[in-house]
Amino acid sequence: MMTNSEHSAYRLLDANANRAAEGLRTLEDIARLVREDEVAAGQLKGVRHRLSEIVRQINRDARLAARCAASDAGTELHTVSESLRPNLSSIIPAAVERTT
């Protein structure tokens, strides 16, 4: 059985690993599909896969057990700026920030 502290740590690791992977995937897709930059797309894919390798070293069952959207206090929090991404110039920095 996990302690509250362990549960919180796994929950943080899981959420942030997912967030970073989403940001990398967005950047990879922009490089590949919009910029048609095979080198950048390949580098970003490599970073994304390396992140996946690192995350696999963390107990998957514990990470999944720590997920709980029903008790996530932030699921209903939204900012105006997150729904205003009118062009690529606004998507790229948001994806970079998500990744970091």
PDB file of N, CA and C in Angstrom:
ATOM      1  N   MET A   1       0.843  -1.189   0.000  1.00  0.00           N
ATOM      2  CA  MET A   1       0.000   0.000   0.000  1.00  0.00           C
ATOM      3  C   MET A   1       0.884   1.247   0.000  1.00  0.00           C
ATOM      4  N   MET A   2       0.516   2.203  -0.831  1.00  0.00           N
ATOM      5  CA  MET A   2       1.279   3.449  -0.941  1.00  0.00           C
ATOM      6  C   MET A   2       0.909   4.421   0.160  1.00  0.00           C
ATOM      7  N   THR A   3       1.906   5.157   0.618  1.00  0.00           N
ATOM      8  CA  THR A   3       1.630   6.247   1.545  1.00  0.00           C
ATOM      9  C   THR A   3       1.066   7.418   0.741  1.00  0.00           C
ATOM     10  N   ASN A   4       0.473   8.381   1.421  1.00  0.00           N
ATOM     11  CA  ASN A   4      -0.039   9.574   0.739  1.00  0.00           C
ATOM     12  C   ASN A   4       1.068  10.308  -0.009  1.00  0.00           C
ATOM     13  N   SER A   5       2.232  10.356   0.597  1.00  0.00           N
ATOM     14  CA  SER A   5       3.377  11.018  -0.018  1.00  0.00           C
ATOM     15  C   SER A   5       3.808  10.295  -1.300  1.00  0.00           C
ATOM     16  N   GLU A   6       3.872   8.978  -1.246  1.00  0.00           N
ATOM     17  CA  GLU A   6       4.234   8.199  -2.438  1.00  0.00           C
ATOM     18  C   GLU A   6       3.177   8.362  -3.529  1.00  0.00           C
ATOM     19  N   HIS A   7       1.920   8.311  -3.137  1.00  0.00           N
ATOM     20  CA  HIS A   7       0.820   8.490  -4.080  1.00  0.00           C
ATOM     21  C   HIS A   7       0.946   9.834  -4.790  1.00  0.00           C
ATOM     22  N   SER A   8       1.194  10.881  -4.017  1.00  0.00           N
ATOM     23  CA  SER A   8       1.342  12.222  -4.593  1.00  0.00           C
ATOM     24  C   SER A   8       2.543  12.299  -5.533  1.00  0.00           C
ATOM     25  N   ALA A   9       3.637  11.676  -5.146  1.00  0.00           N
ATOM     26  CA  ALA A   9       4.838  11.694  -5.989  1.00  0.00           C
ATOM     27  C   ALA A   9       4.581  10.985  -7.316  1.00  0.00           C
ATOM     28  N   TYR A  10       3.958   9.813  -7.276  1.00  0.00           N
ATOM     29  CA  TYR A  10       3.644   9.093  -8.519  1.00  0.00           C
ATOM     30  C   TYR A  10       2.657   9.882  -9.372  1.00  0.00           C
ATOM     31  N   ARG A  11       1.717  10.523  -8.733  1.00  0.00           N
ATOM     32  CA  ARG A  11       0.723  11.321  -9.464  1.00  0.00           C
ATOM     33  C   ARG A  11       1.398  12.485 -10.180  1.00  0.00           C
ATOM     34  N   LEU A  12       2.312  13.158  -9.500  1.00  0.00           N
ATOM     35  CA  LEU A  12       3.060  14.266 -10.104  1.00  0.00           C
ATOM     36  C   LEU A  12       3.936  13.778 -11.261  1.00  0.00           C
ATOM     37  N   LEU A  13       4.634  12.678 -11.038  1.00  0.00           N
ATOM     38  CA  LEU A  13       5.485  12.137 -12.091  1.00  0.00           C
ATOM     39  C   LEU A  13       4.668  11.755 -13.319  1.00  0.00           C
ATOM     40  N   ASP A  14       3.546  11.098 -13.119  1.00  0.00           N
ATOM     41  CA  ASP A  14       2.698  10.662 -14.218  1.00  0.00           C
ATOM     42  C   ASP A  14       2.146  11.856 -14.993  1.00  0.00           C
ATOM     43  N   ALA A  15       1.612  12.832 -14.285  1.00  0.00           N
ATOM     44  CA  ALA A  15       1.021  13.998 -14.954  1.00  0.00           C
ATOM     45  C   ALA A  15       2.069  14.775 -15.741  1.00  0.00           C
ATOM     46  N   ASN A  16       3.233  14.960 -15.163  1.00  0.00           N
ATOM     47  CA  ASN A  16       4.257  15.741 -15.840  1.00  0.00           C
ATOM     48  C   ASN A  16       4.923  14.993 -16.976  1.00  0.00           C
ATOM     49  N   ALA A  17       5.055  13.690 -16.851  1.00  0.00           N
ATOM     50  CA  ALA A  17       5.580  12.890 -17.961  1.00  0.00           C
ATOM     51  C   ALA A  17       4.616  12.960 -19.145  1.00  0.00           C
ATOM     52  N   ASN A  18       3.324  12.855 -18.866  1.00  0.00           N
ATOM     53  CA  ASN A  18       2.324  12.956 -19.930  1.00  0.00           C
ATOM     54  C   ASN A  18       2.339  14.332 -20.571  1.00  0.00           C
ATOM     55  N   ARG A  19       2.446  15.363 -19.761  1.00  0.00           N
ATOM     56  CA  ARG A  19       2.469  16.740 -20.258  1.00  0.00           C
ATOM     57  C   ARG A  19       3.685  16.958 -21.175  1.00  0.00           C
ATOM     58  N   ALA A  20       4.843  16.494 -20.739  1.00  0.00           N
ATOM     59  CA  ALA A  20       6.056  16.652 -21.543  1.00  0.00           C
ATOM     60  C   ALA A  20       5.942  15.888 -22.865  1.00  0.00           C
ATOM     61  N   ALA A  21       5.413  14.680 -22.818  1.00  0.00           N
ATOM     62  CA  ALA A  21       5.250  13.887 -24.033  1.00  0.00           C
ATOM     63  C   ALA A  21       4.278  14.559 -25.007  1.00  0.00           C
ATOM     64  N   GLU A  22       3.206  15.145 -24.492  1.00  0.00           N
ATOM     65  CA  GLU A  22       2.251  15.861 -25.341  1.00  0.00           C
ATOM     66  C   GLU A  22       2.917  17.047 -26.034  1.00  0.00           C
ATOM     67  N   GLY A  23       3.691  17.811 -25.276  1.00  0.00           N
ATOM     68  CA  GLY A  23       4.382  18.963 -25.853  1.00  0.00           C
ATOM     69  C   GLY A  23       5.375  18.542 -26.921  1.00  0.00           C
ATOM     70  N   LEU A  24       6.134  17.478 -26.641  1.00  0.00           N
ATOM     71  CA  LEU A  24       7.101  16.984 -27.623  1.00  0.00           C
ATOM     72  C   LEU A  24       6.409  16.478 -28.883  1.00  0.00           C
ATOM     73  N   ARG A  25       5.293  15.792 -28.705  1.00  0.00           N
ATOM     74  CA  ARG A  25       4.553  15.275 -29.859  1.00  0.00           C
ATOM     75  C   ARG A  25       4.034  16.421 -30.725  1.00  0.00           C
ATOM     76  N   THR A  26       3.541  17.477 -30.095  1.00  0.00           N
ATOM     77  CA  THR A  26       3.065  18.643 -30.842  1.00  0.00           C
ATOM     78  C   THR A  26       4.213  19.258 -31.637  1.00  0.00           C
ATOM     79  N   LEU A  27       5.359  19.449 -30.996  1.00  0.00           N
ATOM     80  CA  LEU A  27       6.515  20.033 -31.677  1.00  0.00           C
ATOM     81  C   LEU A  27       7.002  19.123 -32.800  1.00  0.00           C
ATOM     82  N   GLU A  28       7.015  17.838 -32.550  1.00  0.00           N
ATOM     83  CA  GLU A  28       7.418  16.869 -33.582  1.00  0.00           C
ATOM     84  C   GLU A  28       6.493  16.953 -34.788  1.00  0.00           C
ATOM     85  N   ASP A  29       5.187  17.011 -34.544  1.00  0.00           N
ATOM     86  CA  ASP A  29       4.224  17.097 -35.639  1.00  0.00           C
ATOM     87  C   ASP A  29       4.361  18.399 -36.421  1.00  0.00           C
ATOM     88  N   ILE A  30       4.644  19.483 -35.739  1.00  0.00           N
ATOM     89  CA  ILE A  30       4.857  20.760 -36.435  1.00  0.00           C
ATOM     90  C   ILE A  30       6.097  20.661 -37.317  1.00  0.00           C
ATOM     91  N   ALA A  31       7.177  20.109 -36.773  1.00  0.00           N
ATOM     92  CA  ALA A  31       8.405  19.953 -37.560  1.00  0.00           C
ATOM     93  C   ALA A  31       8.159  19.060 -38.773  1.00  0.00           C
ATOM     94  N   ARG A  32       7.436  17.984 -38.577  1.00  0.00           N
ATOM     95  CA  ARG A  32       7.213  17.002 -39.645  1.00  0.00           C
ATOM     96  C   ARG A  32       6.181  17.441 -40.663  1.00  0.00           C
ATOM     97  N   LEU A  33       5.027  17.905 -40.176  1.00  0.00           N
ATOM     98  CA  LEU A  33       3.891  18.152 -41.071  1.00  0.00           C
ATOM     99  C   LEU A  33       3.780  19.588 -41.576  1.00  0.00           C
ATOM    100  N   VAL A  34       4.239  20.540 -40.780  1.00  0.00           N
ATOM    101  CA  VAL A  34       4.121  21.938 -41.172  1.00  0.00           C
ATOM    102  C   VAL A  34       5.421  22.432 -41.796  1.00  0.00           C
ATOM    103  N   ARG A  35       6.506  22.225 -41.079  1.00  0.00           N
ATOM    104  CA  ARG A  35       7.803  22.710 -41.572  1.00  0.00           C
ATOM    105  C   ARG A  35       8.467  21.730 -42.530  1.00  0.00           C
ATOM    106  N   GLU A  36       7.993  20.484 -42.515  1.00  0.00           N
ATOM    107  CA  GLU A  36       8.565  19.422 -43.342  1.00  0.00           C
ATOM    108  C   GLU A  36      10.074  19.328 -43.138  1.00  0.00           C
ATOM    109  N   ASP A  37      10.452  19.371 -41.856  1.00  0.00           N
ATOM    110  CA  ASP A  37      11.853  19.324 -41.441  1.00  0.00           C
ATOM    111  C   ASP A  37      12.131  17.952 -40.841  1.00  0.00           C
ATOM    112  N   GLU A  38      12.643  17.074 -41.670  1.00  0.00           N
ATOM    113  CA  GLU A  38      12.870  15.691 -41.255  1.00  0.00           C
ATOM    114  C   GLU A  38      13.890  15.589 -40.115  1.00  0.00           C
ATOM    115  N   VAL A  39      14.910  16.423 -40.151  1.00  0.00           N
ATOM    116  CA  VAL A  39      15.947  16.378 -39.118  1.00  0.00           C
ATOM    117  C   VAL A  39      15.368  16.775 -37.765  1.00  0.00           C
ATOM    118  N   ALA A  40      14.665  17.912 -37.712  1.00  0.00           N
ATOM    119  CA  ALA A  40      14.077  18.369 -36.446  1.00  0.00           C
ATOM    120  C   ALA A  40      13.035  17.365 -35.949  1.00  0.00           C
ATOM    121  N   ALA A  41      12.212  16.862 -36.868  1.00  0.00           N
ATOM    122  CA  ALA A  41      11.194  15.881 -36.479  1.00  0.00           C
ATOM    123  C   ALA A  41      11.856  14.639 -35.887  1.00  0.00           C
ATOM    124  N   GLY A  42      12.934  14.196 -36.497  1.00  0.00           N
ATOM    125  CA  GLY A  42      13.643  13.022 -35.997  1.00  0.00           C
ATOM    126  C   GLY A  42      14.273  13.263 -34.634  1.00  0.00           C
ATOM    127  N   GLN A  43      14.828  14.445 -34.446  1.00  0.00           N
ATOM    128  CA  GLN A  43      15.424  14.779 -33.152  1.00  0.00           C
ATOM    129  C   GLN A  43      14.358  14.829 -32.061  1.00  0.00           C
ATOM    130  N   LEU A  44      13.233  15.466 -32.366  1.00  0.00           N
ATOM    131  CA  LEU A  44      12.152  15.550 -31.383  1.00  0.00           C
ATOM    132  C   LEU A  44      11.572  14.177 -31.077  1.00  0.00           C
ATOM    133  N   LYS A  45      11.450  13.346 -32.093  1.00  0.00           N
ATOM    134  CA  LYS A  45      10.975  11.983 -31.876  1.00  0.00           C
ATOM    135  C   LYS A  45      11.944  11.224 -30.978  1.00  0.00           C
ATOM    136  N   GLY A  46      13.237  11.428 -31.198  1.00  0.00           N
ATOM    137  CA  GLY A  46      14.241  10.789 -30.364  1.00  0.00           C
ATOM    138  C   GLY A  46      14.136  11.222 -28.908  1.00  0.00           C
ATOM    139  N   VAL A  47      13.926  12.505 -28.682  1.00  0.00           N
ATOM    140  CA  VAL A  47      13.774  13.012 -27.312  1.00  0.00           C
ATOM    141  C   VAL A  47      12.514  12.423 -26.687  1.00  0.00           C
ATOM    142  N   ARG A  48      11.427  12.387 -27.469  1.00  0.00           N
ATOM    143  CA  ARG A  48      10.168  11.834 -26.952  1.00  0.00           C
ATOM    144  C   ARG A  48      10.321  10.362 -26.582  1.00  0.00           C
ATOM    145  N   HIS A  49      11.018   9.612 -27.409  1.00  0.00           N
ATOM    146  CA  HIS A  49      11.222   8.196 -27.111  1.00  0.00           C
ATOM    147  C   HIS A  49      12.169   8.004 -25.929  1.00  0.00           C
ATOM    148  N   ARG A  50      13.152   8.872 -25.790  1.00  0.00           N
ATOM    149  CA  ARG A  50      14.045   8.800 -24.629  1.00  0.00           C
ATOM    150  C   ARG A  50      13.260   9.074 -23.350  1.00  0.00           C
ATOM    151  N   LEU A  51      12.367  10.074 -23.398  1.00  0.00           N
ATOM    152  CA  LEU A  51      11.500  10.351 -22.249  1.00  0.00           C
ATOM    153  C   LEU A  51      10.680   9.111 -21.906  1.00  0.00           C
ATOM    154  N   SER A  52      10.155   8.463 -22.911  1.00  0.00           N
ATOM    155  CA  SER A  52       9.357   7.250 -22.696  1.00  0.00           C
ATOM    156  C   SER A  52      10.191   6.152 -22.028  1.00  0.00           C
ATOM    157  N   GLU A  53      11.440   6.005 -22.457  1.00  0.00           N
ATOM    158  CA  GLU A  53      12.331   5.018 -21.835  1.00  0.00           C
ATOM    159  C   GLU A  53      12.562   5.336 -20.357  1.00  0.00           C
ATOM    160  N   ILE A  54      12.743   6.600 -20.063  1.00  0.00           N
ATOM    161  CA  ILE A  54      12.970   7.014 -18.672  1.00  0.00           C
ATOM    162  C   ILE A  54      11.725   6.760 -17.834  1.00  0.00           C
ATOM    163  N   VAL A  55      10.571   7.125 -18.376  1.00  0.00           N
ATOM    164  CA  VAL A  55       9.311   6.956 -17.640  1.00  0.00           C
ATOM    165  C   VAL A  55       9.025   5.474 -17.398  1.00  0.00           C
ATOM    166  N   ARG A  56       9.416   4.626 -18.332  1.00  0.00           N
ATOM    167  CA  ARG A  56       9.204   3.176 -18.144  1.00  0.00           C
ATOM    168  C   ARG A  56       9.963   2.624 -16.943  1.00  0.00           C
ATOM    169  N   GLN A  57      10.964   3.339 -16.478  1.00  0.00           N
ATOM    170  CA  GLN A  57      11.726   2.897 -15.303  1.00  0.00           C
ATOM    171  C   GLN A  57      10.970   3.177 -14.003  1.00  0.00           C
ATOM    172  N   ILE A  58       9.925   3.979 -14.095  1.00  0.00           N
ATOM    173  CA  ILE A  58       9.096   4.293 -12.932  1.00  0.00           C
ATOM    174  C   ILE A  58       7.960   3.272 -12.888  1.00  0.00           C
ATOM    175  N   ASN A  59       7.685   2.741 -11.745  1.00  0.00           N
ATOM    176  CA  ASN A  59       6.667   1.707 -11.577  1.00  0.00           C
ATOM    177  C   ASN A  59       5.344   2.113 -12.239  1.00  0.00           C
ATOM    178  N   ARG A  60       5.014   1.419 -13.343  1.00  0.00           N
ATOM    179  CA  ARG A  60       3.818   1.754 -14.125  1.00  0.00           C
ATOM    180  C   ARG A  60       2.534   1.551 -13.326  1.00  0.00           C
ATOM    181  N   ASP A  61       2.443   0.448 -12.604  1.00  0.00           N
ATOM    182  CA  ASP A  61       1.235   0.170 -11.820  1.00  0.00           C
ATOM    183  C   ASP A  61       1.009   1.266 -10.781  1.00  0.00           C
ATOM    184  N   ALA A  62       2.097   1.728 -10.163  1.00  0.00           N
ATOM    185  CA  ALA A  62       1.973   2.790  -9.160  1.00  0.00           C
ATOM    186  C   ALA A  62       1.543   4.102  -9.814  1.00  0.00           C
ATOM    187  N   ARG A  63       2.109   4.392 -10.996  1.00  0.00           N
ATOM    188  CA  ARG A  63       1.706   5.623 -11.701  1.00  0.00           C
ATOM    189  C   ARG A  63       0.231   5.585 -12.068  1.00  0.00           C
ATOM    190  N   LEU A  64      -0.213   4.453 -12.596  1.00  0.00           N
ATOM    191  CA  LEU A  64      -1.621   4.332 -13.006  1.00  0.00           C
ATOM    192  C   LEU A  64      -2.549   4.358 -11.801  1.00  0.00           C
ATOM    193  N   ALA A  65      -2.120   3.740 -10.713  1.00  0.00           N
ATOM    194  CA  ALA A  65      -2.936   3.724  -9.500  1.00  0.00           C
ATOM    195  C   ALA A  65      -3.071   5.126  -8.909  1.00  0.00           C
ATOM    196  N   ALA A  66      -2.089   5.966  -9.162  1.00  0.00           N
ATOM    197  CA  ALA A  66      -2.110   7.326  -8.612  1.00  0.00           C
ATOM    198  C   ALA A  66      -2.988   8.275  -9.429  1.00  0.00           C
ATOM    199  N   ARG A  67      -3.372   7.879 -10.625  1.00  0.00           N
ATOM    200  CA  ARG A  67      -4.240   8.721 -11.462  1.00  0.00           C
ATOM    201  C   ARG A  67      -5.633   8.755 -10.851  1.00  0.00           C
ATOM    202  N   CYS A  68      -6.185   9.954 -10.793  1.00  0.00           N
ATOM    203  CA  CYS A  68      -7.548  10.063 -10.285  1.00  0.00           C
ATOM    204  C   CYS A  68      -8.137  11.397 -10.729  1.00  0.00           C
ATOM    205  N   ALA A  69      -8.691  11.416 -11.926  1.00  0.00           N
ATOM    206  CA  ALA A  69      -9.262  12.648 -12.460  1.00  0.00           C
ATOM    207  C   ALA A  69     -10.433  13.144 -11.614  1.00  0.00           C
ATOM    208  N   ALA A  70     -11.148  12.219 -10.994  1.00  0.00           N
ATOM    209  CA  ALA A  70     -12.320  12.611 -10.194  1.00  0.00           C
ATOM    210  C   ALA A  70     -11.934  13.503  -9.020  1.00  0.00           C
ATOM    211  N   SER A  71     -10.742  13.307  -8.473  1.00  0.00           N
ATOM    212  CA  SER A  71     -10.346  14.133  -7.330  1.00  0.00           C
ATOM    213  C   SER A  71      -9.333  15.210  -7.709  1.00  0.00           C
ATOM    214  N   ASP A  72      -9.124  15.404  -9.003  1.00  0.00           N
ATOM    215  CA  ASP A  72      -8.168  16.412  -9.473  1.00  0.00           C
ATOM    216  C   ASP A  72      -8.805  17.792  -9.384  1.00  0.00           C
ATOM    217  N   ALA A  73      -8.273  18.605  -8.491  1.00  0.00           N
ATOM    218  CA  ALA A  73      -8.827  19.938  -8.252  1.00  0.00           C
ATOM    219  C   ALA A  73      -8.634  20.872  -9.444  1.00  0.00           C
ATOM    220  N   GLY A  74      -7.794  20.499 -10.410  1.00  0.00           N
ATOM    221  CA  GLY A  74      -7.503  21.393 -11.520  1.00  0.00           C
ATOM    222  C   GLY A  74      -8.210  21.082 -12.816  1.00  0.00           C
ATOM    223  N   THR A  75      -9.071  20.077 -12.848  1.00  0.00           N
ATOM    224  CA  THR A  75      -9.696  19.705 -14.122  1.00  0.00           C
ATOM    225  C   THR A  75     -10.638  20.774 -14.666  1.00  0.00           C
ATOM    226  N   GLU A  76     -11.155  21.600 -13.819  1.00  0.00           N
ATOM    227  CA  GLU A  76     -12.082  22.646 -14.270  1.00  0.00           C
ATOM    228  C   GLU A  76     -11.431  24.022 -14.362  1.00  0.00           C
ATOM    229  N   LEU A  77     -10.135  24.099 -14.082  1.00  0.00           N
ATOM    230  CA  LEU A  77      -9.431  25.378 -14.160  1.00  0.00           C
ATOM    231  C   LEU A  77      -8.996  25.644 -15.595  1.00  0.00           C
ATOM    232  N   HIS A  78      -9.368  26.780 -16.120  1.00  0.00           N
ATOM    233  CA  HIS A  78      -8.999  27.148 -17.486  1.00  0.00           C
ATOM    234  C   HIS A  78      -8.623  28.618 -17.513  1.00  0.00           C
ATOM    235  N   THR A  79      -7.717  28.943 -18.419  1.00  0.00           N
ATOM    236  CA  THR A  79      -7.358  30.342 -18.618  1.00  0.00           C
ATOM    237  C   THR A  79      -7.815  30.763 -20.004  1.00  0.00           C
ATOM    238  N   VAL A  80      -7.980  32.038 -20.188  1.00  0.00           N
ATOM    239  CA  VAL A  80      -8.404  32.549 -21.488  1.00  0.00           C
ATOM    240  C   VAL A  80      -7.357  32.216 -22.551  1.00  0.00           C
ATOM    241  N   SER A  81      -6.083  32.375 -22.209  1.00  0.00           N
ATOM    242  CA  SER A  81      -5.021  32.192 -23.197  1.00  0.00           C
ATOM    243  C   SER A  81      -4.918  30.768 -23.723  1.00  0.00           C
ATOM    244  N   GLU A  82      -5.287  29.771 -22.922  1.00  0.00           N
ATOM    245  CA  GLU A  82      -5.135  28.400 -23.395  1.00  0.00           C
ATOM    246  C   GLU A  82      -6.114  28.054 -24.511  1.00  0.00           C
ATOM    247  N   SER A  83      -7.194  28.780 -24.633  1.00  0.00           N
ATOM    248  CA  SER A  83      -8.138  28.512 -25.721  1.00  0.00           C
ATOM    249  C   SER A  83      -7.939  29.473 -26.888  1.00  0.00           C
ATOM    250  N   LEU A  84      -6.976  30.369 -26.764  1.00  0.00           N
ATOM    251  CA  LEU A  84      -6.688  31.324 -27.833  1.00  0.00           C
ATOM    252  C   LEU A  84      -5.336  31.022 -28.465  1.00  0.00           C
ATOM    253  N   ARG A  85      -5.310  30.074 -29.335  1.00  0.00           N
ATOM    254  CA  ARG A  85      -4.097  29.725 -30.068  1.00  0.00           C
ATOM    255  C   ARG A  85      -4.430  29.879 -31.556  1.00  0.00           C
ATOM    256  N   PRO A  86      -4.481  31.144 -32.014  1.00  0.00           N
ATOM    257  CA  PRO A  86      -4.984  31.404 -33.359  1.00  0.00           C
ATOM    258  C   PRO A  86      -4.034  31.013 -34.490  1.00  0.00           C
ATOM    259  N   ASN A  87      -2.748  30.786 -34.177  1.00  0.00           N
ATOM    260  CA  ASN A  87      -1.809  30.480 -35.250  1.00  0.00           C
ATOM    261  C   ASN A  87      -0.632  29.679 -34.701  1.00  0.00           C
ATOM    262  N   LEU A  88       0.195  29.244 -35.628  1.00  0.00           N
ATOM    263  CA  LEU A  88       1.355  28.435 -35.267  1.00  0.00           C
ATOM    264  C   LEU A  88       2.298  29.176 -34.339  1.00  0.00           C
ATOM    265  N   SER A  89       2.405  30.476 -34.523  1.00  0.00           N
ATOM    266  CA  SER A  89       3.299  31.274 -33.683  1.00  0.00           C
ATOM    267  C   SER A  89       2.886  31.262 -32.219  1.00  0.00           C
ATOM    268  N   SER A  90       1.649  30.961 -31.933  1.00  0.00           N
ATOM    269  CA  SER A  90       1.202  30.866 -30.541  1.00  0.00           C
ATOM    270  C   SER A  90       1.217  29.421 -30.032  1.00  0.00           C
ATOM    271  N   ILE A  91       1.145  28.470 -30.933  1.00  0.00           N
ATOM    272  CA  ILE A  91       1.144  27.054 -30.545  1.00  0.00           C
ATOM    273  C   ILE A  91       2.540  26.590 -30.155  1.00  0.00           C
ATOM    274  N   ILE A  92       3.541  27.012 -30.906  1.00  0.00           N
ATOM    275  CA  ILE A  92       4.904  26.535 -30.654  1.00  0.00           C
ATOM    276  C   ILE A  92       5.397  26.898 -29.252  1.00  0.00           C
ATOM    277  N   PRO A  93       5.327  28.169 -28.819  1.00  0.00           N
ATOM    278  CA  PRO A  93       5.789  28.476 -27.463  1.00  0.00           C
ATOM    279  C   PRO A  93       4.987  27.754 -26.390  1.00  0.00           C
ATOM    280  N   ALA A  94       3.687  27.569 -26.634  1.00  0.00           N
ATOM    281  CA  ALA A  94       2.854  26.854 -25.654  1.00  0.00           C
ATOM    282  C   ALA A  94       3.314  25.403 -25.539  1.00  0.00           C
ATOM    283  N   ALA A  95       3.664  24.778 -26.661  1.00  0.00           N
ATOM    284  CA  ALA A  95       4.137  23.391 -26.648  1.00  0.00           C
ATOM    285  C   ALA A  95       5.502  23.294 -25.956  1.00  0.00           C
ATOM    286  N   VAL A  96       6.355  24.283 -26.191  1.00  0.00           N
ATOM    287  CA  VAL A  96       7.664  24.291 -25.535  1.00  0.00           C
ATOM    288  C   VAL A  96       7.486  24.425 -24.033  1.00  0.00           C
ATOM    289  N   GLU A  97       6.625  25.336 -23.608  1.00  0.00           N
ATOM    290  CA  GLU A  97       6.369  25.519 -22.176  1.00  0.00           C
ATOM    291  C   GLU A  97       5.778  24.250 -21.576  1.00  0.00           C
ATOM    292  N   ARG A  98       4.901  23.592 -22.295  1.00  0.00           N
ATOM    293  CA  ARG A  98       4.292  22.350 -21.808  1.00  0.00           C
ATOM    294  C   ARG A  98       5.369  21.276 -21.621  1.00  0.00           C
ATOM    295  N   THR A  99       6.302  21.248 -22.529  1.00  0.00           N
ATOM    296  CA  THR A  99       7.369  20.256 -22.458  1.00  0.00           C
ATOM    297  C   THR A  99       8.322  20.510 -21.301  1.00  0.00           C
ATOM    298  N   THR A 100       8.619  21.776 -21.055  1.00  0.00           N
ATOM    299  CA  THR A 100       9.567  22.078 -19.968  1.00  0.00           C
ATOM    300  C   THR A 100       8.898  21.879 -18.642  1.00  0.00           C
TER     301      THR A 100
END
